[in-house]
């Protein structure tokens, strides 16, 4: 049985592995980190651990009356055991007094979107994540003198440009903000 505890600095290698493996099969497959994100205080960082192995994680940034899930992940071989829900519940219980909302951002992954809705979140906002791949035209891109046109790029776009972005780029994701009142 797993336990939930505060993140410790010596958890970083397992934190990175857990996040990488969890994100690999999703639209965030290339959101690879080589070091754990350092959030400003106040912050909440917890891991679910079993037999010395990190199975899941949640990091929450707190900004006044709002809190944001920066990362939540469960290793694929530990999914469907209630770990993400337990981590979420644990973090919510430990939020400072006065926090009124918790938000999270995700892309088009069906399972992630369904999990947020089941967990009491409602969609609040959406925009696009747009990638220019190396094999796509450089039309419309400019670079400072001395640099080539972008080989790859990651950009944001307003939702009303979705059709045009999908026509021009092979990787366009709908990014949703979910909000949960507390």
N, C-alpha and C. Protein backbone atom coordinates (compact mmCIF):
# COMPACT_ATOMS: atom_id res chain seq x y z
N UNK A 1 0.85 -1.18 0.00
CA UNK A 1 0.00 0.00 0.00
C UNK A 1 0.89 1.25 0.00
N UNK A 2 0.52 2.22 -0.73
CA UNK A 2 1.31 3.45 -0.83
C UNK A 2 0.95 4.42 0.30
N UNK A 3 1.89 5.32 0.57
CA UNK A 3 1.65 6.41 1.51
C UNK A 3 1.95 7.72 0.79
N UNK A 4 1.33 8.78 1.26
CA UNK A 4 1.57 10.11 0.71
C UNK A 4 2.37 10.90 1.73
N UNK A 5 3.43 11.53 1.25
CA UNK A 5 4.29 12.31 2.14
C UNK A 5 4.82 13.52 1.37
N UNK A 6 5.45 14.42 2.11
CA UNK A 6 6.07 15.59 1.48
C UNK A 6 7.24 15.16 0.61
N UNK A 7 7.40 15.87 -0.49
CA UNK A 7 8.55 15.68 -1.38
C UNK A 7 9.82 16.04 -0.62
N UNK A 8 10.89 15.27 -0.85
CA UNK A 8 12.22 15.56 -0.32
C UNK A 8 13.18 15.73 -1.49
N UNK A 9 14.21 16.54 -1.35
CA UNK A 9 15.16 16.73 -2.46
C UNK A 9 15.75 15.44 -3.02
N UNK A 10 15.94 14.42 -2.17
CA UNK A 10 16.50 13.17 -2.69
C UNK A 10 15.49 12.37 -3.51
N UNK A 11 14.24 12.85 -3.60
CA UNK A 11 13.22 12.23 -4.46
C UNK A 11 13.36 12.65 -5.92
N UNK A 12 14.19 13.66 -6.18
CA UNK A 12 14.20 14.26 -7.52
C UNK A 12 14.38 13.24 -8.66
N UNK A 13 15.34 12.31 -8.61
CA UNK A 13 15.46 11.37 -9.73
C UNK A 13 14.17 10.57 -9.98
N UNK A 14 13.54 10.10 -8.91
CA UNK A 14 12.30 9.35 -9.07
C UNK A 14 11.14 10.27 -9.48
N UNK A 15 11.14 11.50 -8.98
CA UNK A 15 10.12 12.49 -9.38
C UNK A 15 10.20 12.69 -10.90
N UNK A 16 11.42 12.90 -11.41
CA UNK A 16 11.61 13.10 -12.85
C UNK A 16 11.17 11.88 -13.65
N UNK A 17 11.54 10.70 -13.19
CA UNK A 17 11.17 9.48 -13.89
C UNK A 17 9.65 9.29 -13.90
N UNK A 18 9.01 9.51 -12.77
CA UNK A 18 7.57 9.37 -12.66
C UNK A 18 6.86 10.33 -13.62
N UNK A 19 7.27 11.58 -13.62
CA UNK A 19 6.65 12.58 -14.49
C UNK A 19 6.87 12.23 -15.96
N UNK A 20 8.08 11.87 -16.31
CA UNK A 20 8.41 11.52 -17.69
C UNK A 20 7.56 10.35 -18.17
N UNK A 21 7.53 9.27 -17.41
CA UNK A 21 6.77 8.09 -17.81
C UNK A 21 5.27 8.38 -17.88
N UNK A 22 4.78 9.17 -16.94
CA UNK A 22 3.37 9.52 -16.94
C UNK A 22 2.98 10.37 -18.14
N UNK A 23 3.83 11.32 -18.51
CA UNK A 23 3.52 12.23 -19.61
C UNK A 23 3.78 11.60 -20.98
N UNK A 24 4.60 10.56 -21.04
CA UNK A 24 5.07 10.02 -22.31
C UNK A 24 3.93 9.62 -23.26
N UNK A 25 2.88 9.04 -22.75
CA UNK A 25 1.78 8.60 -23.60
C UNK A 25 0.68 9.63 -23.79
N UNK A 26 0.98 10.89 -23.51
CA UNK A 26 -0.02 11.96 -23.61
C UNK A 26 0.42 13.03 -24.60
N UNK A 27 -0.42 14.05 -24.76
CA UNK A 27 -0.09 15.19 -25.61
C UNK A 27 1.10 15.99 -25.07
N UNK A 28 1.47 15.77 -23.83
CA UNK A 28 2.61 16.45 -23.22
C UNK A 28 3.88 15.60 -23.29
N UNK A 29 3.95 14.68 -24.25
CA UNK A 29 5.07 13.73 -24.33
C UNK A 29 6.43 14.39 -24.40
N UNK A 30 6.51 15.61 -24.91
CA UNK A 30 7.82 16.26 -25.03
C UNK A 30 8.05 17.34 -23.97
N UNK A 31 7.20 17.40 -22.97
CA UNK A 31 7.40 18.36 -21.88
C UNK A 31 8.32 17.72 -20.84
N UNK A 32 9.54 17.47 -21.28
CA UNK A 32 10.52 16.76 -20.46
C UNK A 32 11.28 17.75 -19.58
N UNK A 33 11.43 17.40 -18.33
CA UNK A 33 12.20 18.22 -17.41
C UNK A 33 13.45 17.43 -17.01
N UNK A 34 14.56 18.15 -16.88
CA UNK A 34 15.80 17.52 -16.42
C UNK A 34 16.09 17.88 -14.97
N UNK A 35 15.24 18.72 -14.40
CA UNK A 35 15.31 19.08 -12.98
C UNK A 35 13.89 19.39 -12.53
N UNK A 36 13.60 19.12 -11.28
CA UNK A 36 12.27 19.41 -10.75
C UNK A 36 12.04 20.92 -10.76
N UNK A 37 10.85 21.31 -11.12
CA UNK A 37 10.48 22.72 -11.11
C UNK A 37 10.58 23.27 -9.69
N UNK A 38 11.21 24.42 -9.54
CA UNK A 38 11.29 25.09 -8.25
C UNK A 38 10.17 26.13 -8.22
N UNK A 39 9.18 25.90 -7.39
CA UNK A 39 8.04 26.80 -7.28
C UNK A 39 8.31 27.82 -6.18
N UNK A 40 7.77 29.03 -6.35
CA UNK A 40 7.93 30.01 -5.27
C UNK A 40 7.07 29.62 -4.06
N UNK A 41 7.48 30.04 -2.90
CA UNK A 41 6.68 29.79 -1.70
C UNK A 41 5.50 30.75 -1.68
N UNK A 42 4.35 30.32 -1.18
CA UNK A 42 4.09 28.99 -0.62
C UNK A 42 3.84 27.97 -1.73
N UNK A 43 4.22 26.77 -1.46
CA UNK A 43 4.05 25.67 -2.41
C UNK A 43 3.75 24.40 -1.64
N UNK A 44 3.13 23.46 -2.32
CA UNK A 44 2.86 22.15 -1.75
C UNK A 44 3.42 21.12 -2.73
N UNK A 45 4.24 20.22 -2.25
CA UNK A 45 4.83 19.18 -3.10
C UNK A 45 4.77 17.86 -2.34
N UNK A 46 4.03 16.91 -2.91
CA UNK A 46 3.85 15.61 -2.27
C UNK A 46 4.14 14.49 -3.25
N UNK A 47 4.52 13.35 -2.73
CA UNK A 47 4.69 12.15 -3.54
C UNK A 47 3.91 11.01 -2.89
N UNK A 48 3.47 10.09 -3.73
CA UNK A 48 2.91 8.83 -3.26
C UNK A 48 4.04 7.81 -3.40
N UNK A 49 4.32 7.12 -2.31
CA UNK A 49 5.47 6.21 -2.28
C UNK A 49 5.03 4.84 -1.80
N UNK A 50 5.64 3.83 -2.41
CA UNK A 50 5.40 2.45 -1.98
C UNK A 50 6.72 1.70 -2.03
N UNK A 51 7.12 1.15 -0.92
CA UNK A 51 8.38 0.40 -0.84
C UNK A 51 9.57 1.20 -1.37
N UNK A 52 9.63 2.49 -1.04
CA UNK A 52 10.74 3.35 -1.43
C UNK A 52 10.69 3.83 -2.87
N UNK A 53 9.61 3.55 -3.57
CA UNK A 53 9.47 3.92 -4.99
C UNK A 53 8.38 4.99 -5.13
N UNK A 54 8.71 6.09 -5.81
CA UNK A 54 7.73 7.15 -6.06
C UNK A 54 6.79 6.68 -7.17
N UNK A 55 5.51 6.57 -6.82
CA UNK A 55 4.49 6.15 -7.78
C UNK A 55 3.74 7.32 -8.39
N UNK A 56 3.66 8.42 -7.64
CA UNK A 56 2.91 9.58 -8.10
C UNK A 56 3.40 10.84 -7.43
N UNK A 57 2.99 11.98 -7.99
CA UNK A 57 3.42 13.27 -7.46
C UNK A 57 2.38 14.34 -7.73
N UNK A 58 2.40 15.35 -6.90
CA UNK A 58 1.61 16.56 -7.14
C UNK A 58 2.40 17.75 -6.59
N UNK A 59 2.48 18.79 -7.40
CA UNK A 59 3.11 20.05 -7.00
C UNK A 59 2.08 21.15 -7.23
N UNK A 60 1.86 21.96 -6.22
CA UNK A 60 0.86 23.02 -6.29
C UNK A 60 1.51 24.34 -5.91
N UNK A 61 1.31 25.35 -6.76
CA UNK A 61 1.79 26.71 -6.49
C UNK A 61 0.62 27.51 -5.94
N UNK A 62 0.87 28.26 -4.88
CA UNK A 62 -0.17 29.07 -4.24
C UNK A 62 0.13 30.54 -4.46
N UNK A 63 -0.87 31.26 -4.95
CA UNK A 63 -0.74 32.70 -5.21
C UNK A 63 -1.98 33.40 -4.66
N UNK A 64 -1.91 33.80 -3.39
CA UNK A 64 -3.04 34.47 -2.76
C UNK A 64 -4.22 33.55 -2.62
N UNK A 65 -5.35 33.93 -3.23
CA UNK A 65 -6.58 33.14 -3.12
C UNK A 65 -6.66 32.03 -4.17
N UNK A 66 -5.66 31.95 -5.02
CA UNK A 66 -5.66 30.96 -6.11
C UNK A 66 -4.48 30.00 -5.94
N UNK A 67 -4.71 28.77 -6.33
CA UNK A 67 -3.64 27.78 -6.35
C UNK A 67 -3.70 27.09 -7.71
N UNK A 68 -2.53 26.66 -8.20
CA UNK A 68 -2.43 26.01 -9.50
C UNK A 68 -1.65 24.71 -9.37
N UNK A 69 -2.20 23.65 -9.95
CA UNK A 69 -1.46 22.39 -10.02
C UNK A 69 -0.40 22.58 -11.09
N UNK A 70 0.86 22.55 -10.70
CA UNK A 70 1.97 22.67 -11.65
C UNK A 70 2.24 21.32 -12.30
N UNK A 71 2.25 20.27 -11.52
CA UNK A 71 2.44 18.91 -12.04
C UNK A 71 1.62 17.95 -11.21
N UNK A 72 1.01 17.02 -11.90
CA UNK A 72 0.40 15.85 -11.25
C UNK A 72 0.67 14.69 -12.18
N UNK A 73 1.17 13.60 -11.64
CA UNK A 73 1.56 12.47 -12.47
C UNK A 73 1.52 11.19 -11.65
N UNK A 74 1.20 10.09 -12.32
CA UNK A 74 1.24 8.76 -11.73
C UNK A 74 1.90 7.84 -12.73
N UNK A 75 2.87 7.08 -12.28
CA UNK A 75 3.56 6.13 -13.17
C UNK A 75 2.53 5.24 -13.86
N UNK A 76 2.71 4.95 -15.14
CA UNK A 76 1.73 4.12 -15.86
C UNK A 76 1.45 2.78 -15.18
N UNK A 77 2.46 2.15 -14.60
CA UNK A 77 2.24 0.85 -13.96
C UNK A 77 1.54 0.95 -12.60
N UNK A 78 1.25 2.17 -12.15
CA UNK A 78 0.55 2.38 -10.89
C UNK A 78 -0.79 3.11 -11.08
N UNK A 79 -1.15 3.37 -12.31
CA UNK A 79 -2.41 4.08 -12.58
C UNK A 79 -3.61 3.18 -12.28
N UNK A 80 -4.75 3.83 -12.10
CA UNK A 80 -6.03 3.17 -11.81
C UNK A 80 -6.08 2.57 -10.40
N UNK A 81 -5.27 3.16 -9.51
CA UNK A 81 -5.28 2.72 -8.11
C UNK A 81 -5.77 3.83 -7.18
N UNK A 82 -6.23 4.96 -7.75
CA UNK A 82 -6.72 6.07 -6.93
C UNK A 82 -5.62 6.99 -6.43
N UNK A 83 -4.42 6.84 -6.94
CA UNK A 83 -3.29 7.62 -6.45
C UNK A 83 -3.44 9.11 -6.78
N UNK A 84 -3.82 9.43 -8.01
CA UNK A 84 -3.98 10.85 -8.38
C UNK A 84 -5.05 11.51 -7.52
N UNK A 85 -6.16 10.84 -7.31
CA UNK A 85 -7.22 11.41 -6.46
C UNK A 85 -6.77 11.58 -5.03
N UNK A 86 -6.01 10.62 -4.52
CA UNK A 86 -5.50 10.72 -3.14
C UNK A 86 -4.51 11.87 -3.02
N UNK A 87 -3.63 12.04 -4.02
CA UNK A 87 -2.69 13.17 -4.01
C UNK A 87 -3.44 14.49 -4.06
N UNK A 88 -4.45 14.58 -4.92
CA UNK A 88 -5.25 15.81 -5.02
C UNK A 88 -5.93 16.11 -3.69
N UNK A 89 -6.57 15.12 -3.10
CA UNK A 89 -7.24 15.33 -1.81
C UNK A 89 -6.28 15.76 -0.72
N UNK A 90 -5.12 15.14 -0.69
CA UNK A 90 -4.09 15.48 0.29
C UNK A 90 -3.65 16.94 0.12
N UNK A 91 -3.41 17.34 -1.13
CA UNK A 91 -2.97 18.72 -1.39
C UNK A 91 -4.07 19.72 -1.02
N UNK A 92 -5.30 19.43 -1.37
CA UNK A 92 -6.40 20.35 -1.05
C UNK A 92 -6.52 20.53 0.46
N UNK A 93 -6.40 19.46 1.22
CA UNK A 93 -6.49 19.55 2.68
C UNK A 93 -5.40 20.43 3.28
N UNK A 94 -4.28 20.55 2.59
CA UNK A 94 -3.13 21.29 3.13
C UNK A 94 -2.95 22.68 2.53
N UNK A 95 -3.88 23.08 1.68
CA UNK A 95 -3.81 24.44 1.14
C UNK A 95 -3.99 25.45 2.26
N UNK A 96 -3.30 26.58 2.19
CA UNK A 96 -3.47 27.59 3.23
C UNK A 96 -4.90 28.11 3.29
N UNK A 97 -5.29 28.55 4.47
CA UNK A 97 -6.61 29.17 4.62
C UNK A 97 -6.69 30.37 3.69
N UNK A 98 -7.84 30.59 3.11
CA UNK A 98 -8.03 31.73 2.22
C UNK A 98 -7.89 31.40 0.75
N UNK A 99 -7.38 30.20 0.41
CA UNK A 99 -7.33 29.80 -0.99
C UNK A 99 -8.74 29.41 -1.41
N UNK A 100 -9.25 30.08 -2.44
CA UNK A 100 -10.63 29.89 -2.87
C UNK A 100 -10.79 29.00 -4.10
N UNK A 101 -9.74 28.92 -4.93
CA UNK A 101 -9.83 28.13 -6.15
C UNK A 101 -8.53 27.37 -6.40
N UNK A 102 -8.69 26.25 -7.08
CA UNK A 102 -7.56 25.46 -7.53
C UNK A 102 -7.75 25.28 -9.03
N UNK A 103 -6.71 25.59 -9.81
CA UNK A 103 -6.83 25.38 -11.25
C UNK A 103 -5.75 24.44 -11.74
N UNK A 104 -5.95 23.97 -12.97
CA UNK A 104 -5.01 23.06 -13.63
C UNK A 104 -5.17 23.26 -15.13
N UNK A 105 -4.12 22.97 -15.86
CA UNK A 105 -4.11 23.11 -17.31
C UNK A 105 -3.79 21.76 -17.92
N UNK A 106 -4.50 21.40 -18.97
CA UNK A 106 -4.22 20.16 -19.68
C UNK A 106 -4.59 20.32 -21.14
N UNK A 107 -4.16 19.39 -21.93
CA UNK A 107 -4.41 19.44 -23.38
C UNK A 107 -5.59 18.52 -23.72
N UNK A 108 -5.47 17.78 -24.81
CA UNK A 108 -6.61 17.05 -25.37
C UNK A 108 -6.72 15.61 -24.88
N UNK A 109 -5.85 15.17 -24.00
CA UNK A 109 -5.88 13.80 -23.51
C UNK A 109 -7.24 13.49 -22.88
N UNK A 110 -7.95 12.54 -23.46
CA UNK A 110 -9.31 12.20 -23.03
C UNK A 110 -9.35 11.80 -21.56
N UNK A 111 -8.41 10.95 -21.15
CA UNK A 111 -8.41 10.47 -19.76
C UNK A 111 -8.15 11.60 -18.77
N UNK A 112 -7.21 12.47 -19.09
CA UNK A 112 -6.91 13.59 -18.18
C UNK A 112 -8.11 14.53 -18.06
N UNK A 113 -8.73 14.85 -19.18
CA UNK A 113 -9.90 15.74 -19.12
C UNK A 113 -11.04 15.11 -18.32
N UNK A 114 -11.29 13.83 -18.52
CA UNK A 114 -12.34 13.15 -17.77
C UNK A 114 -12.01 13.12 -16.29
N UNK A 115 -10.73 12.89 -15.95
CA UNK A 115 -10.33 12.86 -14.54
C UNK A 115 -10.58 14.20 -13.88
N UNK A 116 -10.20 15.30 -14.52
CA UNK A 116 -10.44 16.62 -13.93
C UNK A 116 -11.93 16.85 -13.70
N UNK A 117 -12.76 16.50 -14.67
CA UNK A 117 -14.21 16.69 -14.51
C UNK A 117 -14.75 15.83 -13.35
N UNK A 118 -14.31 14.58 -13.29
CA UNK A 118 -14.75 13.71 -12.18
C UNK A 118 -14.26 14.23 -10.83
N UNK A 119 -13.17 14.96 -10.83
CA UNK A 119 -12.57 15.46 -9.59
C UNK A 119 -13.10 16.82 -9.18
N UNK A 120 -14.18 17.27 -9.81
CA UNK A 120 -14.84 18.50 -9.39
C UNK A 120 -14.38 19.76 -10.09
N UNK A 121 -13.58 19.63 -11.14
CA UNK A 121 -13.11 20.78 -11.91
C UNK A 121 -14.09 21.04 -13.06
N UNK A 122 -14.20 22.31 -13.45
CA UNK A 122 -14.98 22.68 -14.63
C UNK A 122 -14.08 23.48 -15.56
N UNK A 123 -14.29 23.31 -16.86
CA UNK A 123 -13.49 24.06 -17.82
C UNK A 123 -13.81 25.54 -17.70
N UNK A 124 -12.76 26.35 -17.64
CA UNK A 124 -12.92 27.79 -17.45
C UNK A 124 -12.40 28.61 -18.62
N UNK A 125 -11.37 28.11 -19.31
CA UNK A 125 -10.73 28.87 -20.38
C UNK A 125 -10.05 27.89 -21.32
N UNK A 126 -9.87 28.31 -22.59
CA UNK A 126 -9.13 27.49 -23.55
C UNK A 126 -8.40 28.37 -24.54
N UNK A 127 -7.27 27.87 -25.00
CA UNK A 127 -6.49 28.50 -26.05
C UNK A 127 -5.70 27.39 -26.74
N UNK A 128 -4.81 27.73 -27.66
CA UNK A 128 -4.09 26.72 -28.42
C UNK A 128 -2.60 26.70 -28.09
N UNK A 129 -2.05 25.50 -28.08
CA UNK A 129 -0.61 25.29 -28.07
C UNK A 129 -0.25 24.89 -29.49
N UNK A 130 0.64 25.64 -30.12
CA UNK A 130 0.99 25.43 -31.53
C UNK A 130 2.50 25.17 -31.63
N UNK A 131 2.85 24.11 -32.35
CA UNK A 131 4.24 23.76 -32.58
C UNK A 131 4.56 23.92 -34.06
N UNK A 132 5.65 24.59 -34.36
CA UNK A 132 6.19 24.62 -35.72
C UNK A 132 7.29 23.58 -35.73
N UNK A 133 7.11 22.55 -36.53
CA UNK A 133 8.09 21.48 -36.62
C UNK A 133 9.17 21.83 -37.64
N UNK A 134 10.29 21.14 -37.57
CA UNK A 134 11.44 21.42 -38.45
C UNK A 134 11.08 21.27 -39.92
N UNK A 135 10.13 20.42 -40.25
CA UNK A 135 9.80 20.17 -41.65
C UNK A 135 8.65 21.03 -42.18
N UNK A 136 8.21 22.01 -41.40
CA UNK A 136 7.15 22.92 -41.83
C UNK A 136 7.78 24.21 -42.35
N UNK A 137 7.09 24.90 -43.27
CA UNK A 137 7.65 26.12 -43.88
C UNK A 137 7.98 27.19 -42.84
N UNK A 138 8.94 28.02 -43.17
CA UNK A 138 9.34 29.13 -42.31
C UNK A 138 8.58 30.41 -42.62
N UNK A 139 7.60 30.36 -43.51
CA UNK A 139 6.81 31.54 -43.87
C UNK A 139 6.24 32.21 -42.62
N UNK A 140 6.46 33.51 -42.53
CA UNK A 140 5.90 34.28 -41.42
C UNK A 140 6.75 34.31 -40.18
N UNK A 141 7.88 33.65 -40.17
CA UNK A 141 8.75 33.64 -39.01
C UNK A 141 9.96 34.52 -39.27
N UNK A 142 10.33 35.29 -38.30
CA UNK A 142 11.51 36.16 -38.42
C UNK A 142 12.41 35.90 -37.21
N UNK A 143 13.69 36.08 -37.42
CA UNK A 143 14.66 35.88 -36.35
C UNK A 143 15.58 37.09 -36.29
N UNK A 144 16.18 37.33 -35.13
CA UNK A 144 17.17 38.41 -35.04
C UNK A 144 18.33 38.16 -35.99
N UNK A 145 18.99 39.22 -36.37
CA UNK A 145 20.13 39.11 -37.28
C UNK A 145 21.16 38.13 -36.72
N UNK A 146 21.69 37.30 -37.60
CA UNK A 146 22.70 36.32 -37.21
C UNK A 146 22.12 34.95 -36.89
N UNK A 147 20.80 34.86 -36.80
CA UNK A 147 20.16 33.58 -36.50
C UNK A 147 19.34 33.12 -37.70
N UNK A 148 19.26 31.82 -37.88
CA UNK A 148 18.42 31.27 -38.94
C UNK A 148 16.95 31.44 -38.56
N UNK A 149 16.08 31.17 -39.51
CA UNK A 149 14.65 31.10 -39.18
C UNK A 149 14.48 29.96 -38.17
N UNK A 150 13.44 30.00 -37.36
CA UNK A 150 13.26 28.94 -36.35
C UNK A 150 13.19 27.56 -36.99
N UNK A 151 13.91 26.63 -36.43
CA UNK A 151 13.84 25.25 -36.86
C UNK A 151 12.60 24.62 -36.24
N UNK A 152 12.39 24.92 -34.96
CA UNK A 152 11.20 24.48 -34.23
C UNK A 152 10.74 25.65 -33.37
N UNK A 153 9.45 25.68 -33.06
CA UNK A 153 8.93 26.74 -32.20
C UNK A 153 7.70 26.23 -31.46
N UNK A 154 7.48 26.76 -30.26
CA UNK A 154 6.28 26.49 -29.47
C UNK A 154 5.63 27.84 -29.22
N UNK A 155 4.34 27.94 -29.54
CA UNK A 155 3.64 29.23 -29.44
C UNK A 155 2.24 29.02 -28.87
N UNK A 156 1.64 30.12 -28.43
CA UNK A 156 0.25 30.14 -28.01
C UNK A 156 -0.56 30.89 -29.06
N UNK A 157 -1.81 30.50 -29.24
CA UNK A 157 -2.71 31.20 -30.16
C UNK A 157 -4.10 31.24 -29.56
N UNK A 158 -4.85 32.28 -29.91
CA UNK A 158 -6.23 32.39 -29.47
C UNK A 158 -7.07 31.32 -30.16
N UNK A 159 -8.10 30.87 -29.49
CA UNK A 159 -8.93 29.77 -29.97
C UNK A 159 -9.59 30.09 -31.31
N UNK A 160 -9.87 31.36 -31.59
CA UNK A 160 -10.54 31.69 -32.86
C UNK A 160 -9.65 31.43 -34.08
N UNK A 161 -8.37 31.18 -33.86
CA UNK A 161 -7.45 30.88 -34.97
C UNK A 161 -7.23 29.38 -35.15
N UNK A 162 -8.05 28.57 -34.50
CA UNK A 162 -7.81 27.13 -34.50
C UNK A 162 -7.78 26.52 -35.90
N UNK A 163 -8.74 26.83 -36.75
CA UNK A 163 -8.78 26.23 -38.09
C UNK A 163 -7.53 26.59 -38.88
N UNK A 164 -7.12 27.85 -38.84
CA UNK A 164 -5.94 28.29 -39.58
C UNK A 164 -4.68 27.64 -39.03
N UNK A 165 -4.57 27.51 -37.72
CA UNK A 165 -3.40 26.89 -37.11
C UNK A 165 -3.32 25.41 -37.47
N UNK A 166 -4.45 24.73 -37.44
CA UNK A 166 -4.46 23.29 -37.76
C UNK A 166 -4.16 23.06 -39.24
N UNK A 167 -4.52 24.01 -40.09
CA UNK A 167 -4.22 23.89 -41.52
C UNK A 167 -2.72 24.05 -41.78
N UNK A 168 -2.07 24.93 -41.01
CA UNK A 168 -0.66 25.26 -41.25
C UNK A 168 0.31 24.35 -40.49
N UNK A 169 -0.09 23.87 -39.32
CA UNK A 169 0.82 23.13 -38.44
C UNK A 169 0.29 21.74 -38.12
N UNK A 170 1.22 20.79 -38.03
CA UNK A 170 0.85 19.41 -37.73
C UNK A 170 0.56 19.15 -36.27
N UNK A 171 1.10 19.98 -35.38
CA UNK A 171 0.87 19.78 -33.94
C UNK A 171 0.21 21.02 -33.35
N UNK A 172 -1.09 20.91 -33.16
CA UNK A 172 -1.88 21.98 -32.54
C UNK A 172 -2.74 21.30 -31.48
N UNK A 173 -2.66 21.79 -30.26
CA UNK A 173 -3.42 21.21 -29.16
C UNK A 173 -4.31 22.25 -28.52
N UNK A 174 -5.50 21.83 -28.19
CA UNK A 174 -6.40 22.67 -27.40
C UNK A 174 -5.94 22.56 -25.96
N UNK A 175 -5.61 23.68 -25.35
CA UNK A 175 -5.17 23.70 -23.96
C UNK A 175 -6.32 24.25 -23.11
N UNK A 176 -6.71 23.49 -22.11
CA UNK A 176 -7.85 23.87 -21.26
C UNK A 176 -7.38 24.21 -19.85
N UNK A 177 -7.99 25.25 -19.31
CA UNK A 177 -7.82 25.54 -17.89
C UNK A 177 -9.05 24.99 -17.19
N UNK A 178 -8.81 24.14 -16.21
CA UNK A 178 -9.88 23.65 -15.35
C UNK A 178 -9.80 24.38 -14.02
N UNK A 179 -10.95 24.66 -13.45
CA UNK A 179 -11.04 25.41 -12.20
C UNK A 179 -11.93 24.64 -11.23
N UNK A 180 -11.49 24.58 -9.99
CA UNK A 180 -12.28 23.94 -8.94
C UNK A 180 -12.44 24.91 -7.79
N UNK A 181 -13.67 25.33 -7.51
CA UNK A 181 -13.87 26.16 -6.32
C UNK A 181 -13.65 25.31 -5.06
N UNK A 182 -13.08 25.95 -4.03
CA UNK A 182 -12.80 25.21 -2.79
C UNK A 182 -13.72 25.65 -1.67
